[in-house]
Structure formats: structure tokens, C-alpha cells
Amino acid sequence: MHSKKILLLLGHPDKSGFCGEIADTYERAARGAGHTVERMNLGEMQFDPILHKGYRERQELEPDLVKFQQLVTTSDHFVIVYPVWWVSMPALLKGLFDRAWLPGSAFRYIKLKDGTRSIFWHRMLRGKTARTILTSGTNPWLVRFLPGSVNAQLRWGILWFAGFKVRTNWFGPSENIPEGRKACWLAKVRSLGSRAE
């Protein structure tokens, strides 16, 4: 197995909880197996998550967003660890993608001869892989009965749209976890990290 360049994003604003432990475990295992890991912790990034004018006007990117774009582009594999809050990702994580997932960096619309935008687009990150690792206070099988898909926005609307092949792991209930179950989950994360999956 060849060494991979991994971008690991902790998508929980607080790195002291179980999501942080998952990210730490993945990072240690990946580094231990000889992979290169660049890590960004969402809660330590400095940027305005709000698109104040939508996409009608260019909003200057803060240095952390520029760095994030560069690391996404140069990585082979992108791992995002985040909690499910109200059947979605944290607002700050969504804000990161609102600001940084831009035409020309992650995708590019095809222009027609008359200058208008086609419904088709170039997936500029095609060939890369990604893994989303979710935690939730509720059992995953129960949340799946709720309307919509908890991971669809990130998996399909953001990552797949830009070209990533995406896989997902979901751990829950993740509050007051019995030690045996927690050890089993972290062993799975270690295995993923060592294989850069």
C-alpha cells in the first residue's frame, strides 16, 4: 500500500469530545502507517461562515479558507468527523463549505456559446476519495427513519458534486458510551486510519 496525503477535518467546534477522540485516533493510526496527515480543527479556524450577499458578490477568503482549499486540492483522501445536530451538520461546518466550496476550486460550471451557464459542471476533485464519520446522540437506525438523509447534504450535495467517491461510518448513540462499545468503535477508526480509508 502506498502512502497517501490525507486531509483530516474535525467538524465539531469543540475538539475535547468524542468527535475529537475519533479524529485523534484516526490521525495517530494514519501517521503510524506512514501516511501524511494535514489536520484542521473547525473550532480553531478563523473565518466568517456567513455569505452576506449570497454568491452575487465575491467575498474575500480568509487565510484559513485559502489553506483549506489548498489542502483539499493537494490531498488524496479527505476525512471529515462531525456530530449530527438536528438531523444535519453543525452550522459552522456548513458555513465552511458555503464559503470555501466555490466555482473554480471544487467545481466549474460549463458555459454555453451564448455565455449562459449550462446545467452541467466539471467535478474538479474527481478521482479523490472521502470518508465522513458521524456521531449522534440517537441510534443511527432510528435517525434514518426521519425525513431526508442526515448525510446527504455533505455526501452528495457537496463532496460527490465536486468529484469525491464517498464512504460513511456512523457511530451512535454516542453519549454515555459503554467502554466495550467505545473500544470497538475506535478500533474500527484505527483500522480506517492505517489503511487511509
N, C-alpha and C. Protein backbone atom coordinates (compact mmCIF):
# COMPACT_ATOMS: atom_id res chain seq x y z
N MET A 1 0.85 -1.19 0.00
CA MET A 1 0.00 0.00 0.00
C MET A 1 0.89 1.24 0.00
N HIS A 2 0.62 2.16 -0.93
CA HIS A 2 1.43 3.38 -0.98
C HIS A 2 0.91 4.43 -0.01
N SER A 3 1.80 5.34 0.36
CA SER A 3 1.45 6.40 1.29
C SER A 3 0.50 7.40 0.63
N LYS A 4 -0.47 7.86 1.40
CA LYS A 4 -1.44 8.83 0.88
C LYS A 4 -1.33 10.14 1.63
N LYS A 5 -1.75 11.22 0.96
CA LYS A 5 -1.88 12.53 1.60
C LYS A 5 -3.32 12.66 2.06
N ILE A 6 -3.50 12.84 3.35
CA ILE A 6 -4.83 12.88 3.95
C ILE A 6 -5.09 14.26 4.53
N LEU A 7 -6.26 14.80 4.23
CA LEU A 7 -6.74 15.99 4.94
C LEU A 7 -7.79 15.52 5.93
N LEU A 8 -7.54 15.76 7.21
CA LEU A 8 -8.46 15.38 8.28
C LEU A 8 -9.08 16.64 8.86
N LEU A 9 -10.39 16.74 8.75
CA LEU A 9 -11.12 17.90 9.27
C LEU A 9 -11.99 17.48 10.45
N LEU A 10 -11.70 18.03 11.62
CA LEU A 10 -12.59 17.82 12.77
C LEU A 10 -13.70 18.85 12.65
N GLY A 11 -14.91 18.39 12.32
CA GLY A 11 -16.02 19.28 12.05
C GLY A 11 -16.86 19.62 13.26
N HIS A 12 -16.40 19.28 14.44
CA HIS A 12 -17.06 19.69 15.68
C HIS A 12 -16.34 20.93 16.19
N PRO A 13 -17.06 21.98 16.55
CA PRO A 13 -16.39 23.20 17.04
C PRO A 13 -15.56 22.99 18.30
N ASP A 14 -15.83 21.94 19.07
CA ASP A 14 -15.10 21.66 20.31
C ASP A 14 -14.33 20.35 20.13
N LYS A 15 -13.01 20.40 20.24
CA LYS A 15 -12.21 19.20 19.99
C LYS A 15 -12.06 18.29 21.20
N SER A 16 -12.71 18.62 22.32
CA SER A 16 -12.49 17.85 23.55
C SER A 16 -13.44 16.66 23.70
N GLY A 17 -14.42 16.50 22.82
CA GLY A 17 -15.40 15.42 22.96
C GLY A 17 -15.05 14.18 22.17
N PHE A 18 -16.06 13.35 21.93
CA PHE A 18 -15.86 12.06 21.26
C PHE A 18 -15.43 12.26 19.80
N CYS A 19 -15.95 13.27 19.13
CA CYS A 19 -15.51 13.53 17.75
C CYS A 19 -14.00 13.82 17.74
N GLY A 20 -13.54 14.59 18.71
CA GLY A 20 -12.11 14.89 18.82
C GLY A 20 -11.30 13.62 19.06
N GLU A 21 -11.84 12.73 19.88
CA GLU A 21 -11.16 11.46 20.15
C GLU A 21 -11.08 10.60 18.88
N ILE A 22 -12.15 10.61 18.11
CA ILE A 22 -12.15 9.87 16.84
C ILE A 22 -11.09 10.45 15.91
N ALA A 23 -11.05 11.78 15.79
CA ALA A 23 -10.07 12.42 14.91
C ALA A 23 -8.64 12.13 15.36
N ASP A 24 -8.40 12.19 16.68
CA ASP A 24 -7.07 11.89 17.22
C ASP A 24 -6.67 10.44 16.89
N THR A 25 -7.61 9.52 17.06
CA THR A 25 -7.34 8.11 16.81
C THR A 25 -7.02 7.87 15.35
N TYR A 26 -7.83 8.47 14.47
CA TYR A 26 -7.59 8.31 13.03
C TYR A 26 -6.22 8.88 12.66
N GLU A 27 -5.92 10.06 13.16
CA GLU A 27 -4.66 10.72 12.82
C GLU A 27 -3.45 9.89 13.26
N ARG A 28 -3.48 9.40 14.50
CA ARG A 28 -2.36 8.59 15.01
C ARG A 28 -2.17 7.34 14.16
N ALA A 29 -3.26 6.66 13.84
CA ALA A 29 -3.17 5.42 13.07
C ALA A 29 -2.64 5.68 11.66
N ALA A 30 -3.11 6.75 11.03
CA ALA A 30 -2.67 7.07 9.67
C ALA A 30 -1.19 7.44 9.65
N ARG A 31 -0.78 8.28 10.59
CA ARG A 31 0.64 8.65 10.67
C ARG A 31 1.50 7.43 10.96
N GLY A 32 1.02 6.58 11.87
CA GLY A 32 1.77 5.37 12.24
C GLY A 32 1.95 4.42 11.07
N ALA A 33 1.03 4.47 10.10
CA ALA A 33 1.12 3.61 8.92
C ALA A 33 1.90 4.27 7.78
N GLY A 34 2.42 5.48 8.04
CA GLY A 34 3.27 6.14 7.04
C GLY A 34 2.57 7.11 6.12
N HIS A 35 1.31 7.42 6.41
CA HIS A 35 0.58 8.39 5.59
C HIS A 35 0.87 9.81 6.09
N THR A 36 0.73 10.77 5.19
CA THR A 36 0.90 12.18 5.55
C THR A 36 -0.46 12.74 5.92
N VAL A 37 -0.57 13.36 7.09
CA VAL A 37 -1.85 13.89 7.55
C VAL A 37 -1.73 15.39 7.81
N GLU A 38 -2.59 16.14 7.16
CA GLU A 38 -2.79 17.56 7.46
C GLU A 38 -4.13 17.66 8.18
N ARG A 39 -4.12 18.28 9.35
CA ARG A 39 -5.36 18.34 10.13
C ARG A 39 -5.79 19.78 10.35
N MET A 40 -7.10 20.00 10.22
CA MET A 40 -7.69 21.28 10.56
C MET A 40 -8.83 21.03 11.53
N ASN A 41 -8.87 21.82 12.60
CA ASN A 41 -9.94 21.74 13.58
C ASN A 41 -10.87 22.93 13.36
N LEU A 42 -12.11 22.64 13.05
CA LEU A 42 -13.07 23.68 12.70
C LEU A 42 -13.13 24.80 13.74
N GLY A 43 -13.10 24.43 15.02
CA GLY A 43 -13.23 25.41 16.08
C GLY A 43 -12.05 26.35 16.20
N GLU A 44 -10.92 26.01 15.57
CA GLU A 44 -9.73 26.86 15.62
C GLU A 44 -9.56 27.70 14.36
N MET A 45 -10.40 27.46 13.36
CA MET A 45 -10.30 28.21 12.11
C MET A 45 -10.95 29.58 12.27
N GLN A 46 -10.34 30.59 11.66
CA GLN A 46 -10.86 31.95 11.74
C GLN A 46 -11.47 32.34 10.39
N PHE A 47 -12.79 32.42 10.33
CA PHE A 47 -13.47 32.84 9.11
C PHE A 47 -14.91 33.21 9.44
N ASP A 48 -15.48 34.02 8.60
CA ASP A 48 -16.90 34.38 8.71
C ASP A 48 -17.70 33.32 7.96
N PRO A 49 -18.56 32.55 8.63
CA PRO A 49 -19.28 31.48 7.95
C PRO A 49 -20.50 31.95 7.15
N ILE A 50 -20.76 33.25 7.17
CA ILE A 50 -21.97 33.76 6.53
C ILE A 50 -21.66 34.34 5.16
N LEU A 51 -22.42 33.94 4.17
CA LEU A 51 -22.36 34.54 2.84
C LEU A 51 -23.29 35.74 2.86
N HIS A 52 -22.76 36.90 3.12
CA HIS A 52 -23.60 38.08 3.35
C HIS A 52 -24.36 38.52 2.11
N LYS A 53 -23.83 38.30 0.93
CA LYS A 53 -24.51 38.68 -0.32
C LYS A 53 -24.83 37.45 -1.17
N GLY A 54 -24.84 36.28 -0.53
CA GLY A 54 -25.01 35.07 -1.31
C GLY A 54 -23.82 34.93 -2.24
N TYR A 55 -24.06 34.49 -3.46
CA TYR A 55 -22.96 34.37 -4.43
C TYR A 55 -23.00 35.51 -5.45
N ARG A 56 -23.76 36.56 -5.15
CA ARG A 56 -23.85 37.69 -6.08
C ARG A 56 -22.58 38.53 -6.09
N GLU A 57 -21.89 38.56 -4.95
CA GLU A 57 -20.65 39.32 -4.86
C GLU A 57 -19.55 38.44 -4.30
N ARG A 58 -18.32 38.68 -4.74
CA ARG A 58 -17.19 37.91 -4.22
C ARG A 58 -16.87 38.37 -2.80
N GLN A 59 -16.79 37.43 -1.90
CA GLN A 59 -16.45 37.71 -0.51
C GLN A 59 -15.02 37.20 -0.30
N GLU A 60 -14.12 38.11 0.05
CA GLU A 60 -12.69 37.76 0.16
C GLU A 60 -12.50 36.61 1.15
N LEU A 61 -11.70 35.62 0.75
CA LEU A 61 -11.46 34.46 1.59
C LEU A 61 -10.41 34.76 2.66
N GLU A 62 -10.70 34.37 3.88
CA GLU A 62 -9.74 34.49 4.96
C GLU A 62 -8.62 33.46 4.75
N PRO A 63 -7.44 33.68 5.36
CA PRO A 63 -6.31 32.75 5.16
C PRO A 63 -6.65 31.29 5.48
N ASP A 64 -7.44 31.04 6.52
CA ASP A 64 -7.79 29.64 6.84
C ASP A 64 -8.62 28.99 5.74
N LEU A 65 -9.46 29.76 5.07
CA LEU A 65 -10.24 29.21 3.96
C LEU A 65 -9.36 28.93 2.75
N VAL A 66 -8.41 29.81 2.50
CA VAL A 66 -7.46 29.58 1.39
C VAL A 66 -6.65 28.32 1.67
N LYS A 67 -6.18 28.17 2.90
CA LYS A 67 -5.42 26.97 3.28
C LYS A 67 -6.28 25.73 3.13
N PHE A 68 -7.53 25.80 3.56
CA PHE A 68 -8.44 24.66 3.44
C PHE A 68 -8.61 24.26 1.98
N GLN A 69 -8.84 25.22 1.10
CA GLN A 69 -8.98 24.94 -0.33
C GLN A 69 -7.73 24.25 -0.87
N GLN A 70 -6.55 24.76 -0.50
CA GLN A 70 -5.29 24.19 -0.98
C GLN A 70 -5.11 22.76 -0.50
N LEU A 71 -5.42 22.50 0.76
CA LEU A 71 -5.26 21.16 1.30
C LEU A 71 -6.24 20.17 0.67
N VAL A 72 -7.46 20.62 0.41
CA VAL A 72 -8.42 19.76 -0.29
C VAL A 72 -7.87 19.39 -1.66
N THR A 73 -7.33 20.37 -2.36
CA THR A 73 -6.83 20.15 -3.72
C THR A 73 -5.63 19.21 -3.75
N THR A 74 -4.73 19.33 -2.77
CA THR A 74 -3.50 18.54 -2.80
C THR A 74 -3.61 17.19 -2.10
N SER A 75 -4.72 16.93 -1.41
CA SER A 75 -4.87 15.66 -0.70
C SER A 75 -5.37 14.57 -1.64
N ASP A 76 -5.09 13.32 -1.26
CA ASP A 76 -5.65 12.16 -1.97
C ASP A 76 -6.97 11.74 -1.33
N HIS A 77 -7.06 11.95 -0.02
CA HIS A 77 -8.18 11.44 0.76
C HIS A 77 -8.59 12.50 1.78
N PHE A 78 -9.89 12.72 1.91
CA PHE A 78 -10.44 13.76 2.77
C PHE A 78 -11.34 13.10 3.80
N VAL A 79 -11.04 13.30 5.09
CA VAL A 79 -11.82 12.71 6.17
C VAL A 79 -12.46 13.82 6.98
N ILE A 80 -13.77 13.72 7.18
CA ILE A 80 -14.50 14.72 7.96
C ILE A 80 -15.20 14.01 9.11
N VAL A 81 -14.89 14.42 10.34
CA VAL A 81 -15.51 13.86 11.54
C VAL A 81 -16.44 14.93 12.10
N TYR A 82 -17.72 14.61 12.25
CA TYR A 82 -18.64 15.63 12.75
C TYR A 82 -19.85 15.02 13.45
N PRO A 83 -20.50 15.80 14.33
CA PRO A 83 -21.69 15.32 15.01
C PRO A 83 -22.95 15.65 14.22
N VAL A 84 -23.95 14.83 14.39
CA VAL A 84 -25.27 15.12 13.82
C VAL A 84 -26.03 15.97 14.83
N TRP A 85 -26.35 17.20 14.41
CA TRP A 85 -27.13 18.10 15.25
C TRP A 85 -28.40 18.46 14.48
N TRP A 86 -29.55 18.18 15.06
CA TRP A 86 -30.83 18.49 14.44
C TRP A 86 -30.90 17.96 13.01
N VAL A 87 -30.50 16.69 12.87
CA VAL A 87 -30.58 15.95 11.61
C VAL A 87 -29.72 16.61 10.52
N SER A 88 -28.63 17.22 10.90
CA SER A 88 -27.75 17.88 9.93
C SER A 88 -26.36 18.05 10.53
N MET A 89 -25.49 18.73 9.81
CA MET A 89 -24.16 19.04 10.31
C MET A 89 -24.21 20.34 11.12
N PRO A 90 -23.21 20.61 11.96
CA PRO A 90 -23.17 21.89 12.67
C PRO A 90 -23.16 23.07 11.70
N ALA A 91 -23.80 24.17 12.10
CA ALA A 91 -23.91 25.34 11.22
C ALA A 91 -22.54 25.87 10.79
N LEU A 92 -21.56 25.82 11.68
CA LEU A 92 -20.22 26.32 11.34
C LEU A 92 -19.58 25.47 10.25
N LEU A 93 -19.82 24.16 10.28
CA LEU A 93 -19.29 23.28 9.24
C LEU A 93 -19.95 23.58 7.90
N LYS A 94 -21.27 23.78 7.92
CA LYS A 94 -21.97 24.17 6.69
C LYS A 94 -21.44 25.50 6.18
N GLY A 95 -21.17 26.44 7.10
CA GLY A 95 -20.62 27.73 6.72
C GLY A 95 -19.26 27.62 6.06
N LEU A 96 -18.45 26.67 6.52
CA LEU A 96 -17.14 26.44 5.90
C LEU A 96 -17.31 26.09 4.42
N PHE A 97 -18.23 25.19 4.13
CA PHE A 97 -18.44 24.79 2.73
C PHE A 97 -19.13 25.89 1.93
N ASP A 98 -20.06 26.62 2.57
CA ASP A 98 -20.69 27.76 1.88
C ASP A 98 -19.63 28.74 1.39
N ARG A 99 -18.63 28.99 2.22
CA ARG A 99 -17.61 29.98 1.89
C ARG A 99 -16.51 29.45 0.97
N ALA A 100 -16.08 28.20 1.19
CA ALA A 100 -14.87 27.70 0.51
C ALA A 100 -15.14 26.83 -0.70
N TRP A 101 -16.33 26.26 -0.83
CA TRP A 101 -16.63 25.33 -1.93
C TRP A 101 -17.14 26.14 -3.12
N LEU A 102 -16.23 26.72 -3.85
CA LEU A 102 -16.57 27.72 -4.85
C LEU A 102 -16.28 27.26 -6.28
N PRO A 103 -16.99 27.84 -7.25
CA PRO A 103 -16.65 27.56 -8.65
C PRO A 103 -15.20 27.94 -8.90
N GLY A 104 -14.49 27.04 -9.55
CA GLY A 104 -13.07 27.28 -9.82
C GLY A 104 -12.16 26.60 -8.82
N SER A 105 -12.71 26.20 -7.67
CA SER A 105 -11.87 25.47 -6.70
C SER A 105 -12.35 24.02 -6.56
N ALA A 106 -13.65 23.82 -6.39
CA ALA A 106 -14.18 22.47 -6.22
C ALA A 106 -14.96 21.99 -7.45
N PHE A 107 -15.50 22.91 -8.21
CA PHE A 107 -16.29 22.57 -9.40
C PHE A 107 -16.27 23.76 -10.35
N ARG A 108 -16.71 23.53 -11.56
CA ARG A 108 -16.79 24.63 -12.53
C ARG A 108 -17.95 24.34 -13.47
N TYR A 109 -18.87 25.29 -13.55
CA TYR A 109 -19.99 25.12 -14.48
C TYR A 109 -19.52 25.27 -15.92
N ILE A 110 -20.15 24.54 -16.81
CA ILE A 110 -19.83 24.62 -18.24
C ILE A 110 -20.63 25.77 -18.84
N LYS A 111 -19.95 26.64 -19.54
CA LYS A 111 -20.62 27.78 -20.17
C LYS A 111 -21.04 27.43 -21.60
N LEU A 112 -22.21 27.91 -21.98
CA LEU A 112 -22.71 27.69 -23.33
C LEU A 112 -22.17 28.78 -24.26
N LYS A 113 -22.36 28.59 -25.55
CA LYS A 113 -21.82 29.55 -26.54
C LYS A 113 -22.36 30.96 -26.35
N ASP A 114 -23.58 31.05 -25.83
CA ASP A 114 -24.15 32.39 -25.64
C ASP A 114 -23.72 33.03 -24.30
N GLY A 115 -22.83 32.34 -23.58
CA GLY A 115 -22.32 32.88 -22.33
C GLY A 115 -23.11 32.50 -21.09
N THR A 116 -24.25 31.85 -21.28
CA THR A 116 -25.04 31.42 -20.12
C THR A 116 -24.47 30.13 -19.54
N ARG A 117 -24.92 29.82 -18.35
CA ARG A 117 -24.43 28.64 -17.65
C ARG A 117 -25.24 27.41 -18.00
N SER A 118 -24.55 26.32 -18.32
CA SER A 118 -25.19 25.04 -18.58
C SER A 118 -25.64 24.42 -17.26
N ILE A 119 -26.51 23.42 -17.35
CA ILE A 119 -26.88 22.66 -16.15
C ILE A 119 -25.79 21.66 -15.78
N PHE A 120 -24.80 21.49 -16.65
CA PHE A 120 -23.72 20.53 -16.41
C PHE A 120 -22.50 21.23 -15.82
N TRP A 121 -21.64 20.46 -15.16
CA TRP A 121 -20.49 21.05 -14.49
C TRP A 121 -19.31 20.07 -14.52
N HIS A 122 -18.11 20.62 -14.35
CA HIS A 122 -16.89 19.83 -14.19
C HIS A 122 -16.69 19.57 -12.71
N ARG A 123 -16.48 18.30 -12.36
CA ARG A 123 -16.20 17.93 -10.97
C ARG A 123 -14.68 17.98 -10.81
N MET A 124 -14.18 19.09 -10.29
CA MET A 124 -12.75 19.38 -10.30
C MET A 124 -11.92 18.53 -9.33
N LEU A 125 -12.57 17.82 -8.42
CA LEU A 125 -11.84 16.98 -7.46
C LEU A 125 -12.07 15.50 -7.75
N ARG A 126 -12.39 15.21 -8.97
CA ARG A 126 -12.66 13.84 -9.41
C ARG A 126 -11.42 12.97 -9.20
N GLY A 127 -11.64 11.74 -8.77
CA GLY A 127 -10.55 10.81 -8.54
C GLY A 127 -10.10 10.75 -7.09
N LYS A 128 -10.58 11.68 -6.28
CA LYS A 128 -10.23 11.67 -4.86
C LYS A 128 -11.28 10.88 -4.07
N THR A 129 -10.87 10.45 -2.88
CA THR A 129 -11.80 9.73 -2.01
C THR A 129 -12.05 10.55 -0.74
N ALA A 130 -13.17 10.26 -0.11
CA ALA A 130 -13.51 10.94 1.15
C ALA A 130 -14.23 9.96 2.06
N ARG A 131 -14.15 10.23 3.35
CA ARG A 131 -14.92 9.47 4.33
C ARG A 131 -15.53 10.45 5.31
N THR A 132 -16.82 10.31 5.55
CA THR A 132 -17.47 11.08 6.60
C THR A 132 -17.68 10.14 7.78
N ILE A 133 -17.30 10.61 8.97
CA ILE A 133 -17.50 9.84 10.19
C ILE A 133 -18.42 10.66 11.09
N LEU A 134 -19.62 10.16 11.30
CA LEU A 134 -20.65 10.88 12.04
C LEU A 134 -20.84 10.29 13.42
N THR A 135 -21.21 11.15 14.36
CA THR A 135 -21.66 10.68 15.67
C THR A 135 -23.04 11.28 15.92
N SER A 136 -23.85 10.58 16.69
CA SER A 136 -25.17 11.13 17.03
C SER A 136 -25.59 10.61 18.39
N GLY A 137 -26.36 11.44 19.09
CA GLY A 137 -26.88 11.04 20.39
C GLY A 137 -27.96 9.99 20.28
N THR A 138 -28.56 9.91 19.11
CA THR A 138 -29.62 8.94 18.84
C THR A 138 -29.05 7.79 18.03
N ASN A 139 -29.63 6.61 18.19
CA ASN A 139 -29.19 5.46 17.41
C ASN A 139 -29.35 5.73 15.92
N PRO A 140 -28.32 5.45 15.10
CA PRO A 140 -28.40 5.73 13.66
C PRO A 140 -29.61 5.11 12.96
N TRP A 141 -30.00 3.88 13.36
CA TRP A 141 -31.13 3.25 12.67
C TRP A 141 -32.43 4.03 12.89
N LEU A 142 -32.54 4.68 14.07
CA LEU A 142 -33.74 5.47 14.36
C LEU A 142 -33.74 6.77 13.55
N VAL A 143 -32.58 7.43 13.47
CA VAL A 143 -32.48 8.68 12.73
C VAL A 143 -32.77 8.46 11.25
N ARG A 144 -32.45 7.28 10.73
CA ARG A 144 -32.69 7.00 9.30
C ARG A 144 -34.17 7.01 8.94
N PHE A 145 -35.05 6.88 9.96
CA PHE A 145 -36.49 6.94 9.69
C PHE A 145 -37.00 8.36 9.56
N LEU A 146 -36.17 9.35 9.91
CA LEU A 146 -36.58 10.74 9.79
C LEU A 146 -36.56 11.17 8.33
N PRO A 147 -37.33 12.20 7.96
CA PRO A 147 -37.37 12.64 6.57
C PRO A 147 -35.99 13.07 6.08
N GLY A 148 -35.67 12.69 4.87
CA GLY A 148 -34.39 13.07 4.29
C GLY A 148 -33.26 12.21 4.82
N SER A 149 -32.08 12.44 4.33
CA SER A 149 -30.90 11.69 4.76
C SER A 149 -29.96 12.64 5.49
N VAL A 150 -29.58 12.25 6.70
CA VAL A 150 -28.73 13.08 7.53
C VAL A 150 -27.43 13.47 6.83
N ASN A 151 -26.86 12.54 6.09
CA ASN A 151 -25.55 12.75 5.47
C ASN A 151 -25.64 13.17 4.01
N ALA A 152 -26.85 13.28 3.46
CA ALA A 152 -26.99 13.53 2.02
C ALA A 152 -26.39 14.87 1.59
N GLN A 153 -26.59 15.89 2.39
CA GLN A 153 -26.11 17.22 2.02
C GLN A 153 -24.59 17.22 1.84
N LEU A 154 -23.88 16.64 2.81
CA LEU A 154 -22.42 16.63 2.73
C LEU A 154 -21.93 15.58 1.73
N ARG A 155 -22.50 14.40 1.79
CA ARG A 155 -22.02 13.30 0.93
C ARG A 155 -22.28 13.56 -0.55
N TRP A 156 -23.53 13.90 -0.89
CA TRP A 156 -23.90 14.04 -2.29
C TRP A 156 -23.86 15.48 -2.77
N GLY A 157 -24.46 16.39 -1.99
CA GLY A 157 -24.57 17.77 -2.44
C GLY A 157 -23.28 18.55 -2.43
N ILE A 158 -22.30 18.10 -1.63
CA ILE A 158 -21.03 18.83 -1.53
C ILE A 158 -19.87 18.00 -2.07
N LEU A 159 -19.61 16.83 -1.45
CA LEU A 159 -18.43 16.04 -1.82
C LEU A 159 -18.57 15.37 -3.19
N TRP A 160 -19.66 14.61 -3.39
CA TRP A 160 -19.85 13.95 -4.68
C TRP A 160 -19.94 14.97 -5.80
N PHE A 161 -20.62 16.07 -5.56
CA PHE A 161 -20.78 17.13 -6.56
C PHE A 161 -19.43 17.59 -7.09
N ALA A 162 -18.41 17.61 -6.22
CA ALA A 162 -17.07 18.07 -6.61
C ALA A 162 -16.19 16.94 -7.15
N GLY A 163 -16.67 15.69 -7.07
CA GLY A 163 -15.91 14.59 -7.67
C GLY A 163 -15.45 13.50 -6.72
N PHE A 164 -15.68 13.66 -5.42
CA PHE A 164 -15.21 12.66 -4.47
C PHE A 164 -16.05 11.38 -4.52
N LYS A 165 -15.36 10.26 -4.32
CA LYS A 165 -16.04 9.00 -4.04
C LYS A 165 -16.11 8.90 -2.52
N VAL A 166 -17.31 8.80 -1.95
CA VAL A 166 -17.50 8.98 -0.51
C VAL A 166 -18.02 7.72 0.17
N ARG A 167 -17.44 7.44 1.33
CA ARG A 167 -17.94 6.38 2.20
C ARG A 167 -18.21 6.97 3.58
N THR A 168 -19.05 6.30 4.35
CA THR A 168 -19.50 6.85 5.63
C THR A 168 -19.47 5.82 6.75
N ASN A 169 -19.11 6.26 7.94
CA ASN A 169 -19.29 5.50 9.17
C ASN A 169 -20.09 6.37 10.13
N TRP A 170 -20.98 5.72 10.86
CA TRP A 170 -21.86 6.47 11.76
C TRP A 170 -21.90 5.74 13.10
N PHE A 171 -21.50 6.43 14.16
CA PHE A 171 -21.46 5.85 15.49
C PHE A 171 -22.50 6.52 16.39
N GLY A 172 -23.32 5.70 17.01
CA GLY A 172 -24.32 6.24 17.92
C GLY A 172 -25.12 5.13 18.57
N PRO A 173 -25.79 5.42 19.70
CA PRO A 173 -25.75 6.66 20.44
C PRO A 173 -24.35 6.90 21.02
N SER A 174 -23.90 8.13 20.93
CA SER A 174 -22.52 8.44 21.29
C SER A 174 -22.39 9.18 22.62
N GLU A 175 -23.44 9.18 23.41
CA GLU A 175 -23.39 9.77 24.75
C GLU A 175 -23.43 8.64 25.79
N ASN A 176 -22.61 8.76 26.82
CA ASN A 176 -22.52 7.72 27.86
C ASN A 176 -22.27 6.34 27.23
N ILE A 177 -21.23 6.27 26.41
CA ILE A 177 -20.93 5.06 25.66
C ILE A 177 -20.32 4.01 26.59
N PRO A 178 -20.84 2.78 26.58
CA PRO A 178 -20.16 1.72 27.33
C PRO A 178 -18.73 1.54 26.82
N GLU A 179 -17.79 1.28 27.72
CA GLU A 179 -16.37 1.22 27.35
C GLU A 179 -16.11 0.18 26.26
N GLY A 180 -16.78 -0.95 26.33
CA GLY A 180 -16.57 -2.00 25.32
C GLY A 180 -16.97 -1.54 23.94
N ARG A 181 -18.12 -0.87 23.85
CA ARG A 181 -18.59 -0.37 22.55
C ARG A 181 -17.66 0.72 22.02
N LYS A 182 -17.24 1.61 22.91
CA LYS A 182 -16.34 2.68 22.51
C LYS A 182 -15.03 2.11 21.98
N ALA A 183 -14.49 1.12 22.67
CA ALA A 183 -13.24 0.49 22.22
C ALA A 183 -13.41 -0.14 20.85
N CYS A 184 -14.55 -0.74 20.61
CA CYS A 184 -14.83 -1.37 19.31
C CYS A 184 -14.89 -0.31 18.21
N TRP A 185 -15.59 0.80 18.49
CA TRP A 185 -15.69 1.88 17.50
C TRP A 185 -14.32 2.47 17.18
N LEU A 186 -13.51 2.71 18.22
CA LEU A 186 -12.20 3.31 18.00
C LEU A 186 -11.26 2.34 17.29
N ALA A 187 -11.44 1.04 17.51
CA ALA A 187 -10.65 0.05 16.78
C ALA A 187 -10.98 0.12 15.29
N LYS A 188 -12.25 0.32 14.98
CA LYS A 188 -12.67 0.48 13.58
C LYS A 188 -12.02 1.73 12.98
N VAL A 189 -12.00 2.83 13.74
CA VAL A 189 -11.38 4.08 13.27
C VAL A 189 -9.88 3.89 13.05
N ARG A 190 -9.21 3.18 13.97
CA ARG A 190 -7.78 2.90 13.80
C ARG A 190 -7.52 2.13 12.52
N SER A 191 -8.36 1.16 12.25
CA SER A 191 -8.22 0.37 11.02
C SER A 191 -8.38 1.24 9.78
N LEU A 192 -9.38 2.13 9.80
CA LEU A 192 -9.58 3.04 8.68
C LEU A 192 -8.37 3.96 8.50
N GLY A 193 -7.85 4.48 9.60
CA GLY A 193 -6.71 5.38 9.53
C GLY A 193 -5.47 4.70 8.98
N SER A 194 -5.20 3.50 9.44
CA SER A 194 -3.99 2.80 9.00
C SER A 194 -4.06 2.47 7.51
N ARG A 195 -5.27 2.26 7.00
CA ARG A 195 -5.44 1.95 5.57
C ARG A 195 -5.70 3.22 4.74
N ALA A 196 -5.76 4.38 5.40
CA ALA A 196 -6.07 5.65 4.73
C ALA A 196 -7.38 5.54 3.97
N GLU A 197 -8.37 5.04 4.65
CA GLU A 197 -9.71 4.88 4.05
C GLU A 197 -10.71 5.77 4.77
